[in-house]
Amino acid sequence: MSTVSFMDEPGHEDNFKPTVRQENSYQTEPKKKFPSGKVIKARVKEMMIPRFKVICLVHIGQLSSQGLRIGSRCLWDDKYDTFSSSEFRNKSIFAIGMVYGVYYE
């Protein structure tokens, strides 16, 4: 035995509005290059860099007779994607900040 159920009652009004879909612009190149020299000195979010995903990584640690190796991987387009890094160090701690600008369509 097979049954099919659906909602089709008299007086039932559907006020459903379809969601607005935006089409891809197919812009495969940025209009301006990512300003990797400025991102550490300025607040990255205030720069409002269009069409770039901004990824920020900060590593903070204690300086004490030990080593640390930091690495990262991602899909990368040498023509448009870039990064900037900065380092702070005093007698007891270190901090390394990296900001990646990855172009997306």
PDB file of N, CA and C in Angstrom:
ATOM      1  N   MET A   1       0.839  -1.170   0.000  1.00  0.00           N
ATOM      2  CA  MET A   1       0.000   0.000   0.000  1.00  0.00           C
ATOM      3  C   MET A   1       0.891   1.242   0.000  1.00  0.00           C
ATOM      4  N   SER A   2       0.578   2.179  -0.817  1.00  0.00           N
ATOM      5  CA  SER A   2       1.363   3.389  -0.948  1.00  0.00           C
ATOM      6  C   SER A   2       0.466   4.592  -0.733  1.00  0.00           C
ATOM      7  N   THR A   3       0.951   5.587  -0.033  1.00  0.00           N
ATOM      8  CA  THR A   3       0.172   6.807   0.178  1.00  0.00           C
ATOM      9  C   THR A   3       1.024   8.023  -0.159  1.00  0.00           C
ATOM     10  N   VAL A   4       0.342   9.069  -0.573  1.00  0.00           N
ATOM     11  CA  VAL A   4       1.008  10.339  -0.858  1.00  0.00           C
ATOM     12  C   VAL A   4       0.293  11.398  -0.038  1.00  0.00           C
ATOM     13  N   SER A   5       1.032  12.186   0.704  1.00  0.00           N
ATOM     14  CA  SER A   5       0.392  13.238   1.488  1.00  0.00           C
ATOM     15  C   SER A   5       0.935  14.590   1.050  1.00  0.00           C
ATOM     16  N   PHE A   6       0.061  15.588   1.082  1.00  0.00           N
ATOM     17  CA  PHE A   6       0.462  16.939   0.739  1.00  0.00           C
ATOM     18  C   PHE A   6      -0.512  17.910   1.367  1.00  0.00           C
ATOM     19  N   MET A   7      -0.135  19.177   1.394  1.00  0.00           N
ATOM     20  CA  MET A   7      -0.962  20.204   2.012  1.00  0.00           C
ATOM     21  C   MET A   7      -1.663  20.978   0.911  1.00  0.00           C
ATOM     22  N   ASP A   8      -2.940  20.719   0.732  1.00  0.00           N
ATOM     23  CA  ASP A   8      -3.699  21.444  -0.278  1.00  0.00           C
ATOM     24  C   ASP A   8      -5.129  21.588   0.211  1.00  0.00           C
ATOM     25  N   GLU A   9      -5.274  22.312   1.306  1.00  0.00           N
ATOM     26  CA  GLU A   9      -6.582  22.490   1.891  1.00  0.00           C
ATOM     27  C   GLU A   9      -7.204  23.790   1.402  1.00  0.00           C
ATOM     28  N   PRO A  10      -8.490  23.836   1.204  1.00  0.00           N
ATOM     29  CA  PRO A  10      -9.144  25.081   0.829  1.00  0.00           C
ATOM     30  C   PRO A  10      -8.962  26.124   1.930  1.00  0.00           C
ATOM     31  N   GLY A  11      -8.681  27.341   1.541  1.00  0.00           N
ATOM     32  CA  GLY A  11      -8.507  28.423   2.509  1.00  0.00           C
ATOM     33  C   GLY A  11      -7.084  28.536   3.032  1.00  0.00           C
ATOM     34  N   HIS A  12      -6.249  27.604   2.672  1.00  0.00           N
ATOM     35  CA  HIS A  12      -4.841  27.672   3.105  1.00  0.00           C
ATOM     36  C   HIS A  12      -4.075  28.563   2.137  1.00  0.00           C
ATOM     37  N   GLU A  13      -3.648  29.718   2.649  1.00  0.00           N
ATOM     38  CA  GLU A  13      -2.933  30.664   1.791  1.00  0.00           C
ATOM     39  C   GLU A  13      -1.449  30.612   2.106  1.00  0.00           C
ATOM     40  N   ASP A  14      -0.691  30.475   1.099  1.00  0.00           N
ATOM     41  CA  ASP A  14       0.758  30.437   1.237  1.00  0.00           C
ATOM     42  C   ASP A  14       1.291  31.848   1.061  1.00  0.00           C
ATOM     43  N   ASN A  15       1.898  32.394   2.080  1.00  0.00           N
ATOM     44  CA  ASN A  15       2.525  33.721   1.999  1.00  0.00           C
ATOM     45  C   ASN A  15       4.022  33.572   1.804  1.00  0.00           C
ATOM     46  N   PHE A  16       4.404  32.551   1.131  1.00  0.00           N
ATOM     47  CA  PHE A  16       5.819  32.255   0.926  1.00  0.00           C
ATOM     48  C   PHE A  16       6.401  33.166  -0.139  1.00  0.00           C
ATOM     49  N   LYS A  17       7.499  33.832   0.217  1.00  0.00           N
ATOM     50  CA  LYS A  17       8.220  34.662  -0.754  1.00  0.00           C
ATOM     51  C   LYS A  17       9.551  33.977  -1.033  1.00  0.00           C
ATOM     52  N   PRO A  18       9.878  33.785  -2.272  1.00  0.00           N
ATOM     53  CA  PRO A  18      11.147  33.109  -2.574  1.00  0.00           C
ATOM     54  C   PRO A  18      12.332  33.975  -2.137  1.00  0.00           C
ATOM     55  N   THR A  19      13.390  33.316  -1.726  1.00  0.00           N
ATOM     56  CA  THR A  19      14.582  34.045  -1.321  1.00  0.00           C
ATOM     57  C   THR A  19      15.245  34.679  -2.531  1.00  0.00           C
ATOM     58  N   VAL A  20      15.867  35.800  -2.293  1.00  0.00           N
ATOM     59  CA  VAL A  20      16.555  36.510  -3.363  1.00  0.00           C
ATOM     60  C   VAL A  20      17.912  35.857  -3.568  1.00  0.00           C
ATOM     61  N   ARG A  21      18.195  35.482  -4.771  1.00  0.00           N
ATOM     62  CA  ARG A  21      19.493  34.880  -5.094  1.00  0.00           C
ATOM     63  C   ARG A  21      20.297  35.869  -5.901  1.00  0.00           C
ATOM     64  N   GLN A  22      21.554  35.988  -5.539  1.00  0.00           N
ATOM     65  CA  GLN A  22      22.438  36.879  -6.272  1.00  0.00           C
ATOM     66  C   GLN A  22      23.301  36.055  -7.200  1.00  0.00           C
ATOM     67  N   GLU A  23      23.459  36.548  -8.379  1.00  0.00           N
ATOM     68  CA  GLU A  23      24.260  35.852  -9.371  1.00  0.00           C
ATOM     69  C   GLU A  23      25.743  36.156  -9.159  1.00  0.00           C
ATOM     70  N   ASN A  24      26.572  35.209  -9.518  1.00  0.00           N
ATOM     71  CA  ASN A  24      28.011  35.389  -9.456  1.00  0.00           C
ATOM     72  C   ASN A  24      28.435  36.422 -10.491  1.00  0.00           C
ATOM     73  N   SER A  25      29.366  37.271 -10.112  1.00  0.00           N
ATOM     74  CA  SER A  25      29.810  38.319 -11.041  1.00  0.00           C
ATOM     75  C   SER A  25      30.883  37.807 -12.002  1.00  0.00           C
ATOM     76  N   TYR A  26      31.434  36.653 -11.726  1.00  0.00           N
ATOM     77  CA  TYR A  26      32.496  36.055 -12.539  1.00  0.00           C
ATOM     78  C   TYR A  26      33.678  37.001 -12.693  1.00  0.00           C
ATOM     79  N   GLN A  27      33.928  37.773 -11.658  1.00  0.00           N
ATOM     80  CA  GLN A  27      35.097  38.650 -11.642  1.00  0.00           C
ATOM     81  C   GLN A  27      36.256  37.821 -11.113  1.00  0.00           C
ATOM     82  N   THR A  28      37.136  37.401 -11.991  1.00  0.00           N
ATOM     83  CA  THR A  28      38.203  36.480 -11.593  1.00  0.00           C
ATOM     84  C   THR A  28      39.491  37.179 -11.205  1.00  0.00           C
ATOM     85  N   GLU A  29      39.523  38.491 -11.290  1.00  0.00           N
ATOM     86  CA  GLU A  29      40.705  39.252 -10.895  1.00  0.00           C
ATOM     87  C   GLU A  29      40.285  40.434 -10.037  1.00  0.00           C
ATOM     88  N   PRO A  30      41.104  40.781  -9.021  1.00  0.00           N
ATOM     89  CA  PRO A  30      40.764  41.947  -8.207  1.00  0.00           C
ATOM     90  C   PRO A  30      41.041  43.242  -8.962  1.00  0.00           C
ATOM     91  N   LYS A  31      40.324  44.301  -8.578  1.00  0.00           N
ATOM     92  CA  LYS A  31      40.562  45.607  -9.200  1.00  0.00           C
ATOM     93  C   LYS A  31      41.841  46.236  -8.661  1.00  0.00           C
ATOM     94  N   LYS A  32      42.123  45.987  -7.372  1.00  0.00           N
ATOM     95  CA  LYS A  32      43.365  46.474  -6.764  1.00  0.00           C
ATOM     96  C   LYS A  32      44.027  45.320  -6.025  1.00  0.00           C
ATOM     97  N   LYS A  33      45.327  45.335  -5.949  1.00  0.00           N
ATOM     98  CA  LYS A  33      46.071  44.296  -5.246  1.00  0.00           C
ATOM     99  C   LYS A  33      45.891  44.461  -3.729  1.00  0.00           C
ATOM    100  N   PHE A  34      45.948  43.366  -2.990  1.00  0.00           N
ATOM    101  CA  PHE A  34      45.812  43.402  -1.538  1.00  0.00           C
ATOM    102  C   PHE A  34      46.981  44.179  -0.938  1.00  0.00           C
ATOM    103  N   PRO A  35      46.713  45.176  -0.085  1.00  0.00           N
ATOM    104  CA  PRO A  35      47.788  46.023   0.458  1.00  0.00           C
ATOM    105  C   PRO A  35      48.513  45.357   1.625  1.00  0.00           C
ATOM    106  N   SER A  36      49.354  44.376   1.339  1.00  0.00           N
ATOM    107  CA  SER A  36      50.000  43.600   2.403  1.00  0.00           C
ATOM    108  C   SER A  36      50.965  44.432   3.245  1.00  0.00           C
ATOM    109  N   GLY A  37      51.480  45.520   2.724  1.00  0.00           N
ATOM    110  CA  GLY A  37      52.381  46.367   3.501  1.00  0.00           C
ATOM    111  C   GLY A  37      51.684  47.213   4.550  1.00  0.00           C
ATOM    112  N   LYS A  38      50.373  47.402   4.445  1.00  0.00           N
ATOM    113  CA  LYS A  38      49.629  48.270   5.356  1.00  0.00           C
ATOM    114  C   LYS A  38      48.815  47.525   6.401  1.00  0.00           C
ATOM    115  N   VAL A  39      48.563  46.238   6.226  1.00  0.00           N
ATOM    116  CA  VAL A  39      47.573  45.570   7.059  1.00  0.00           C
ATOM    117  C   VAL A  39      47.981  45.428   8.517  1.00  0.00           C
ATOM    118  N   ILE A  40      49.230  45.367   8.842  1.00  0.00           N
ATOM    119  CA  ILE A  40      49.616  45.245  10.258  1.00  0.00           C
ATOM    120  C   ILE A  40      49.480  46.580  10.958  1.00  0.00           C
ATOM    121  N   LYS A  41      49.808  47.675  10.286  1.00  0.00           N
ATOM    122  CA  LYS A  41      49.777  48.988  10.927  1.00  0.00           C
ATOM    123  C   LYS A  41      48.348  49.521  11.063  1.00  0.00           C
ATOM    124  N   ALA A  42      47.505  49.226  10.148  1.00  0.00           N
ATOM    125  CA  ALA A  42      46.117  49.713  10.196  1.00  0.00           C
ATOM    126  C   ALA A  42      45.208  48.593  10.673  1.00  0.00           C
ATOM    127  N   ARG A  43      44.045  48.939  11.099  1.00  0.00           N
ATOM    128  CA  ARG A  43      43.072  47.922  11.497  1.00  0.00           C
ATOM    129  C   ARG A  43      42.481  47.303  10.246  1.00  0.00           C
ATOM    130  N   VAL A  44      42.659  46.014  10.137  1.00  0.00           N
ATOM    131  CA  VAL A  44      42.317  45.318   8.898  1.00  0.00           C
ATOM    132  C   VAL A  44      40.836  45.468   8.558  1.00  0.00           C
ATOM    133  N   LYS A  45      39.971  45.331   9.509  1.00  0.00           N
ATOM    134  CA  LYS A  45      38.541  45.405   9.205  1.00  0.00           C
ATOM    135  C   LYS A  45      38.124  46.790   8.738  1.00  0.00           C
ATOM    136  N   GLU A  46      38.767  47.819   9.230  1.00  0.00           N
ATOM    137  CA  GLU A  46      38.423  49.181   8.822  1.00  0.00           C
ATOM    138  C   GLU A  46      38.860  49.480   7.394  1.00  0.00           C
ATOM    139  N   MET A  47      39.751  48.677   6.860  1.00  0.00           N
ATOM    140  CA  MET A  47      40.247  48.914   5.506  1.00  0.00           C
ATOM    141  C   MET A  47      39.205  48.559   4.451  1.00  0.00           C
ATOM    142  N   MET A  48      38.239  47.697   4.803  1.00  0.00           N
ATOM    143  CA  MET A  48      37.154  47.322   3.893  1.00  0.00           C
ATOM    144  C   MET A  48      37.680  46.962   2.500  1.00  0.00           C
ATOM    145  N   ILE A  49      38.551  45.985   2.427  1.00  0.00           N
ATOM    146  CA  ILE A  49      39.154  45.562   1.170  1.00  0.00           C
ATOM    147  C   ILE A  49      38.157  44.653   0.451  1.00  0.00           C
ATOM    148  N   PRO A  50      37.637  45.068  -0.698  1.00  0.00           N
ATOM    149  CA  PRO A  50      36.591  44.269  -1.355  1.00  0.00           C
ATOM    150  C   PRO A  50      37.133  42.985  -1.975  1.00  0.00           C
ATOM    151  N   ARG A  51      36.315  41.926  -1.899  1.00  0.00           N
ATOM    152  CA  ARG A  51      36.537  40.648  -2.564  1.00  0.00           C
ATOM    153  C   ARG A  51      37.756  39.877  -2.061  1.00  0.00           C
ATOM    154  N   PHE A  52      38.276  40.221  -0.899  1.00  0.00           N
ATOM    155  CA  PHE A  52      39.358  39.462  -0.283  1.00  0.00           C
ATOM    156  C   PHE A  52      38.868  38.904   1.042  1.00  0.00           C
ATOM    157  N   LYS A  53      39.144  37.619   1.262  1.00  0.00           N
ATOM    158  CA  LYS A  53      38.921  37.041   2.580  1.00  0.00           C
ATOM    159  C   LYS A  53      40.171  37.340   3.379  1.00  0.00           C
ATOM    160  N   VAL A  54      39.981  37.816   4.590  1.00  0.00           N
ATOM    161  CA  VAL A  54      41.104  38.167   5.453  1.00  0.00           C
ATOM    162  C   VAL A  54      41.168  37.153   6.580  1.00  0.00           C
ATOM    163  N   ILE A  55      42.317  36.517   6.713  1.00  0.00           N
ATOM    164  CA  ILE A  55      42.540  35.517   7.748  1.00  0.00           C
ATOM    165  C   ILE A  55      43.667  36.029   8.630  1.00  0.00           C
ATOM    166  N   CYS A  56      43.408  36.148   9.928  1.00  0.00           N
ATOM    167  CA  CYS A  56      44.407  36.652  10.868  1.00  0.00           C
ATOM    168  C   CYS A  56      44.778  35.543  11.845  1.00  0.00           C
ATOM    169  N   LEU A  57      46.061  35.327  12.012  1.00  0.00           N
ATOM    170  CA  LEU A  57      46.573  34.345  12.971  1.00  0.00           C
ATOM    171  C   LEU A  57      47.588  35.036  13.866  1.00  0.00           C
ATOM    172  N   VAL A  58      47.450  34.854  15.168  1.00  0.00           N
ATOM    173  CA  VAL A  58      48.397  35.423  16.123  1.00  0.00           C
ATOM    174  C   VAL A  58      48.847  34.304  17.048  1.00  0.00           C
ATOM    175  N   HIS A  59      50.146  34.165  17.190  1.00  0.00           N
ATOM    176  CA  HIS A  59      50.730  33.167  18.089  1.00  0.00           C
ATOM    177  C   HIS A  59      51.488  33.921  19.181  1.00  0.00           C
ATOM    178  N   ILE A  60      51.154  33.630  20.430  1.00  0.00           N
ATOM    179  CA  ILE A  60      51.809  34.270  21.572  1.00  0.00           C
ATOM    180  C   ILE A  60      52.356  33.166  22.455  1.00  0.00           C
ATOM    181  N   GLY A  61      53.582  33.326  22.902  1.00  0.00           N
ATOM    182  CA  GLY A  61      54.186  32.297  23.737  1.00  0.00           C
ATOM    183  C   GLY A  61      55.262  32.854  24.643  1.00  0.00           C
ATOM    184  N   GLN A  62      55.741  32.008  25.520  1.00  0.00           N
ATOM    185  CA  GLN A  62      56.771  32.374  26.483  1.00  0.00           C
ATOM    186  C   GLN A  62      58.135  32.003  25.920  1.00  0.00           C
ATOM    187  N   LEU A  63      59.099  32.875  26.116  1.00  0.00           N
ATOM    188  CA  LEU A  63      60.469  32.585  25.696  1.00  0.00           C
ATOM    189  C   LEU A  63      61.184  31.841  26.822  1.00  0.00           C
ATOM    190  N   SER A  64      61.462  30.580  26.587  1.00  0.00           N
ATOM    191  CA  SER A  64      62.187  29.794  27.582  1.00  0.00           C
ATOM    192  C   SER A  64      62.812  28.602  26.883  1.00  0.00           C
ATOM    193  N   SER A  65      64.052  28.572  26.691  1.00  0.00           N
ATOM    194  CA  SER A  65      64.868  27.487  26.151  1.00  0.00           C
ATOM    195  C   SER A  65      64.108  26.399  25.385  1.00  0.00           C
ATOM    196  N   GLN A  66      63.243  26.774  24.504  1.00  0.00           N
ATOM    197  CA  GLN A  66      62.524  25.804  23.692  1.00  0.00           C
ATOM    198  C   GLN A  66      62.279  26.397  22.317  1.00  0.00           C
ATOM    199  N   GLY A  67      61.986  25.549  21.374  1.00  0.00           N
ATOM    200  CA  GLY A  67      61.746  25.998  20.011  1.00  0.00           C
ATOM    201  C   GLY A  67      60.277  25.884  19.641  1.00  0.00           C
ATOM    202  N   LEU A  68      59.933  26.582  18.590  1.00  0.00           N
ATOM    203  CA  LEU A  68      58.566  26.531  18.083  1.00  0.00           C
ATOM    204  C   LEU A  68      58.638  26.651  16.579  1.00  0.00           C
ATOM    205  N   ARG A  69      57.905  25.809  15.905  1.00  0.00           N
ATOM    206  CA  ARG A  69      57.830  25.860  14.456  1.00  0.00           C
ATOM    207  C   ARG A  69      56.373  26.091  14.070  1.00  0.00           C
ATOM    208  N   ILE A  70      56.129  27.110  13.266  1.00  0.00           N
ATOM    209  CA  ILE A  70      54.774  27.451  12.862  1.00  0.00           C
ATOM    210  C   ILE A  70      54.687  27.318  11.350  1.00  0.00           C
ATOM    211  N   GLY A  71      53.647  26.661  10.873  1.00  0.00           N
ATOM    212  CA  GLY A  71      53.447  26.510   9.437  1.00  0.00           C
ATOM    213  C   GLY A  71      51.972  26.635   9.103  1.00  0.00           C
ATOM    214  N   SER A  72      51.686  26.963   7.859  1.00  0.00           N
ATOM    215  CA  SER A  72      50.289  27.018   7.414  1.00  0.00           C
ATOM    216  C   SER A  72      50.240  26.636   5.945  1.00  0.00           C
ATOM    217  N   ARG A  73      49.085  26.108   5.539  1.00  0.00           N
ATOM    218  CA  ARG A  73      48.892  25.698   4.153  1.00  0.00           C
ATOM    219  C   ARG A  73      47.504  26.108   3.687  1.00  0.00           C
ATOM    220  N   CYS A  74      47.415  26.436   2.417  1.00  0.00           N
ATOM    221  CA  CYS A  74      46.111  26.694   1.812  1.00  0.00           C
ATOM    222  C   CYS A  74      46.283  26.703   0.297  1.00  0.00           C
ATOM    223  N   LEU A  75      45.153  26.692  -0.405  1.00  0.00           N
ATOM    224  CA  LEU A  75      45.215  26.842  -1.855  1.00  0.00           C
ATOM    225  C   LEU A  75      45.563  28.289  -2.140  1.00  0.00           C
ATOM    226  N   TRP A  76      46.489  28.523  -3.033  1.00  0.00           N
ATOM    227  CA  TRP A  76      47.088  29.844  -3.174  1.00  0.00           C
ATOM    228  C   TRP A  76      47.218  30.202  -4.645  1.00  0.00           C
ATOM    229  N   ASP A  77      46.878  31.412  -4.979  1.00  0.00           N
ATOM    230  CA  ASP A  77      47.086  31.948  -6.312  1.00  0.00           C
ATOM    231  C   ASP A  77      48.172  33.018  -6.196  1.00  0.00           C
ATOM    232  N   ASP A  78      49.365  32.725  -6.698  1.00  0.00           N
ATOM    233  CA  ASP A  78      50.506  33.637  -6.550  1.00  0.00           C
ATOM    234  C   ASP A  78      50.262  35.015  -7.143  1.00  0.00           C
ATOM    235  N   LYS A  79      49.366  35.087  -8.100  1.00  0.00           N
ATOM    236  CA  LYS A  79      49.126  36.355  -8.774  1.00  0.00           C
ATOM    237  C   LYS A  79      48.361  37.350  -7.904  1.00  0.00           C
ATOM    238  N   TYR A  80      47.420  36.860  -7.055  1.00  0.00           N
ATOM    239  CA  TYR A  80      46.562  37.770  -6.301  1.00  0.00           C
ATOM    240  C   TYR A  80      46.634  37.596  -4.785  1.00  0.00           C
ATOM    241  N   ASP A  81      46.864  36.399  -4.304  1.00  0.00           N
ATOM    242  CA  ASP A  81      46.858  36.145  -2.868  1.00  0.00           C
ATOM    243  C   ASP A  81      48.200  36.531  -2.264  1.00  0.00           C
ATOM    244  N   THR A  82      48.166  37.034  -1.045  1.00  0.00           N
ATOM    245  CA  THR A  82      49.401  37.465  -0.392  1.00  0.00           C
ATOM    246  C   THR A  82      49.226  37.435   1.124  1.00  0.00           C
ATOM    247  N   PHE A  83      50.288  37.755   1.837  1.00  0.00           N
ATOM    248  CA  PHE A  83      50.223  37.786   3.287  1.00  0.00           C
ATOM    249  C   PHE A  83      51.192  38.837   3.812  1.00  0.00           C
ATOM    250  N   SER A  84      51.015  39.174   5.065  1.00  0.00           N
ATOM    251  CA  SER A  84      51.910  40.086   5.757  1.00  0.00           C
ATOM    252  C   SER A  84      52.124  39.522   7.156  1.00  0.00           C
ATOM    253  N   SER A  85      53.320  39.686   7.701  1.00  0.00           N
ATOM    254  CA  SER A  85      53.584  39.172   9.044  1.00  0.00           C
ATOM    255  C   SER A  85      54.411  40.183   9.828  1.00  0.00           C
ATOM    256  N   SER A  86      54.271  40.093  11.136  1.00  0.00           N
ATOM    257  CA  SER A  86      55.018  40.978  12.026  1.00  0.00           C
ATOM    258  C   SER A  86      55.351  40.204  13.294  1.00  0.00           C
ATOM    259  N   GLU A  87      56.431  40.591  13.934  1.00  0.00           N
ATOM    260  CA  GLU A  87      56.889  39.877  15.121  1.00  0.00           C
ATOM    261  C   GLU A  87      57.180  40.857  16.237  1.00  0.00           C
ATOM    262  N   PHE A  88      56.816  40.477  17.459  1.00  0.00           N
ATOM    263  CA  PHE A  88      57.144  41.246  18.663  1.00  0.00           C
ATOM    264  C   PHE A  88      57.866  40.304  19.609  1.00  0.00           C
ATOM    265  N   ARG A  89      58.886  40.828  20.275  1.00  0.00           N
ATOM    266  CA  ARG A  89      59.644  40.002  21.208  1.00  0.00           C
ATOM    267  C   ARG A  89      60.214  40.891  22.304  1.00  0.00           C
ATOM    268  N   ASN A  90      60.121  40.428  23.553  1.00  0.00           N
ATOM    269  CA  ASN A  90      60.835  41.077  24.651  1.00  0.00           C
ATOM    270  C   ASN A  90      61.564  39.984  25.433  1.00  0.00           C
ATOM    271  N   LYS A  91      61.935  40.240  26.669  1.00  0.00           N
ATOM    272  CA  LYS A  91      62.733  39.267  27.424  1.00  0.00           C
ATOM    273  C   LYS A  91      61.965  37.993  27.782  1.00  0.00           C
ATOM    274  N   SER A  92      60.650  38.077  27.884  1.00  0.00           N
ATOM    275  CA  SER A  92      59.915  36.914  28.366  1.00  0.00           C
ATOM    276  C   SER A  92      58.886  36.329  27.386  1.00  0.00           C
ATOM    277  N   ILE A  93      58.364  37.108  26.445  1.00  0.00           N
ATOM    278  CA  ILE A  93      57.340  36.586  25.541  1.00  0.00           C
ATOM    279  C   ILE A  93      57.637  36.939  24.092  1.00  0.00           C
ATOM    280  N   PHE A  94      56.944  36.256  23.209  1.00  0.00           N
ATOM    281  CA  PHE A  94      57.001  36.585  21.786  1.00  0.00           C
ATOM    282  C   PHE A  94      55.575  36.592  21.243  1.00  0.00           C
ATOM    283  N   ALA A  95      55.387  37.319  20.169  1.00  0.00           N
ATOM    284  CA  ALA A  95      54.094  37.319  19.473  1.00  0.00           C
ATOM    285  C   ALA A  95      54.380  37.424  17.984  1.00  0.00           C
ATOM    286  N   ILE A  96      53.722  36.579  17.220  1.00  0.00           N
ATOM    287  CA  ILE A  96      53.853  36.598  15.764  1.00  0.00           C
ATOM    288  C   ILE A  96      52.446  36.750  15.190  1.00  0.00           C
ATOM    289  N   GLY A  97      52.253  37.772  14.377  1.00  0.00           N
ATOM    290  CA  GLY A  97      50.958  38.013  13.754  1.00  0.00           C
ATOM    291  C   GLY A  97      51.072  37.855  12.248  1.00  0.00           C
ATOM    292  N   MET A  98      50.132  37.130  11.658  1.00  0.00           N
ATOM    293  CA  MET A  98      50.107  36.941  10.210  1.00  0.00           C
ATOM    294  C   MET A  98      48.722  37.286   9.700  1.00  0.00           C
ATOM    295  N   VAL A  99      48.672  38.039   8.620  1.00  0.00           N
ATOM    296  CA  VAL A  99      47.406  38.402   7.984  1.00  0.00           C
ATOM    297  C   VAL A  99      47.482  37.945   6.535  1.00  0.00           C
ATOM    298  N   TYR A 100      46.540  37.088   6.141  1.00  0.00           N
ATOM    299  CA  TYR A 100      46.484  36.578   4.781  1.00  0.00           C
ATOM    300  C   TYR A 100      45.346  37.284   4.047  1.00  0.00           C
ATOM    301  N   GLY A 101      45.609  37.696   2.825  1.00  0.00           N
ATOM    302  CA  GLY A 101      44.581  38.247   1.958  1.00  0.00           C
ATOM    303  C   GLY A 101      44.385  37.299   0.794  1.00  0.00           C
ATOM    304  N   VAL A 102      43.256  36.597   0.761  1.00  0.00           N
ATOM    305  CA  VAL A 102      42.984  35.595  -0.255  1.00  0.00           C
ATOM    306  C   VAL A 102      41.805  36.079  -1.106  1.00  0.00           C
ATOM    307  N   TYR A 103      42.036  36.252  -2.396  1.00  0.00           N
ATOM    308  CA  TYR A 103      40.997  36.751  -3.290  1.00  0.00           C
ATOM    309  C   TYR A 103      39.952  35.672  -3.537  1.00  0.00           C
ATOM    310  N   TYR A 104      38.690  36.066  -3.515  1.00  0.00           N
ATOM    311  CA  TYR A 104      37.619  35.125  -3.854  1.00  0.00           C
ATOM    312  C   TYR A 104      36.641  35.794  -4.792  1.00  0.00           C
ATOM    313  N   GLU A 105      36.039  34.994  -5.657  1.00  0.00           N
ATOM    314  CA  GLU A 105      35.119  35.512  -6.682  1.00  0.00           C
ATOM    315  C   GLU A 105      33.787  35.880  -6.079  1.00  0.00           C
TER     316      GLU A 105
END
